[in-house]
Protein backbone atom coordinates (compact mmCIF):
# COMPACT_ATOMS: atom_id res chain seq x y z
CA MET A 1 146.94 140.45 -47.24
CA TYR A 2 149.98 142.67 -47.60
CA LYS A 3 153.71 142.18 -48.01
CA ILE A 4 155.86 144.56 -45.98
CA GLU A 5 159.45 145.19 -46.99
CA VAL A 6 161.90 147.22 -44.93
CA LYS A 7 165.14 148.12 -46.69
CA ASN A 8 167.51 148.01 -43.75
CA SER A 9 170.26 149.60 -45.81
CA LEU A 10 168.13 152.78 -45.75
CA CYS A 11 166.42 152.41 -42.38
CA GLU A 12 167.98 154.38 -39.51
CA GLY A 13 166.90 151.70 -37.06
CA PRO A 14 164.40 151.43 -34.26
CA PHE A 15 166.33 153.43 -31.69
CA THR A 16 167.39 156.31 -33.93
CA CYS A 17 164.06 156.74 -35.70
CA GLY A 18 161.27 154.27 -34.83
CA LYS A 19 158.54 156.37 -36.44
CA CYS A 20 156.97 153.31 -38.07
CA PHE A 21 156.47 151.74 -34.63
CA LYS A 22 154.71 154.86 -33.35
CA VAL A 23 152.20 155.24 -36.22
CA CYS A 24 151.30 151.63 -37.03
CA PRO A 25 147.81 150.88 -35.66
CA SER A 26 148.26 147.14 -36.26
CA LEU A 27 151.68 146.74 -34.59
CA VAL A 28 153.20 144.86 -37.52
CA PHE A 29 156.81 145.86 -36.92
CA PHE A 30 159.39 143.94 -34.91
CA THR A 31 163.00 144.69 -34.11
CA HIS A 32 165.88 142.30 -33.61
CA PRO A 33 169.68 142.28 -33.74
CA LYS A 34 171.16 142.10 -37.23
CA SER A 35 173.67 139.51 -36.09
CA ARG A 36 172.76 136.98 -33.45
CA GLU A 37 175.95 135.80 -31.87
CA PRO A 38 175.55 134.13 -28.47
CA TYR A 39 176.70 136.18 -25.48
CA LYS A 40 177.53 139.20 -27.62
CA VAL A 41 175.93 142.60 -27.06
CA THR A 42 175.08 144.38 -30.29
CA ASN A 43 174.04 147.90 -31.22
CA ASP A 44 173.11 146.84 -34.74
CA TRP A 45 169.32 146.42 -34.61
CA ILE A 46 167.01 146.19 -37.63
CA VAL A 47 163.29 146.61 -38.24
CA THR A 48 161.17 143.90 -39.85
CA GLY A 49 157.50 143.87 -40.86
CA ILE A 50 157.04 140.42 -39.41
CA PHE A 51 153.32 140.53 -38.63
CA ALA A 52 152.18 141.28 -42.18
CA ASP A 53 148.99 139.28 -41.69
CA GLN A 54 147.83 142.04 -39.31
CA CYS A 55 148.58 144.89 -41.74
CA ILE A 56 145.49 146.88 -42.80
CA GLY A 57 147.26 148.72 -45.62
CA CYS A 58 146.83 152.20 -44.13
CA MET A 59 150.30 153.24 -45.43
CA GLN A 60 151.01 155.43 -42.41
CA CYS A 61 154.43 153.82 -41.98
CA VAL A 62 155.29 154.39 -45.64
CA ASN A 63 154.24 158.03 -45.44
CA ILE A 64 156.15 158.82 -42.23
CA CYS A 65 159.42 157.02 -43.02
CA PRO A 66 162.03 159.77 -43.58
CA LYS A 67 164.28 157.46 -45.63
CA ASN A 68 161.57 155.81 -47.80
CA ALA A 69 162.76 152.45 -46.48
CA ILE A 70 159.31 150.84 -46.23
CA THR A 71 157.20 149.47 -49.06
CA ILE A 72 153.86 147.74 -48.78
CA LYS A 73 152.34 145.69 -51.59
CA GLU A 74 148.99 144.01 -51.69
CA THR A 75 149.21 140.28 -52.36
CA THR A 76 146.56 137.97 -53.72
């Protein structure tokens, strides 16, 4: 099992970059609005490694991230 951390202060976001989505064979990443106010359109989207239980630890996302915003650690 792995723990996936995305530092959203460094991440350019899914629409500007999105490289992690393209290389991940396990589809562990998810995107959602940073603020969730009802009936409000937002352009502030963030990336989360929400499906960590599917991560195979290939590190492709870590290697391709231009901002070094992704870390993956093996858990026990």
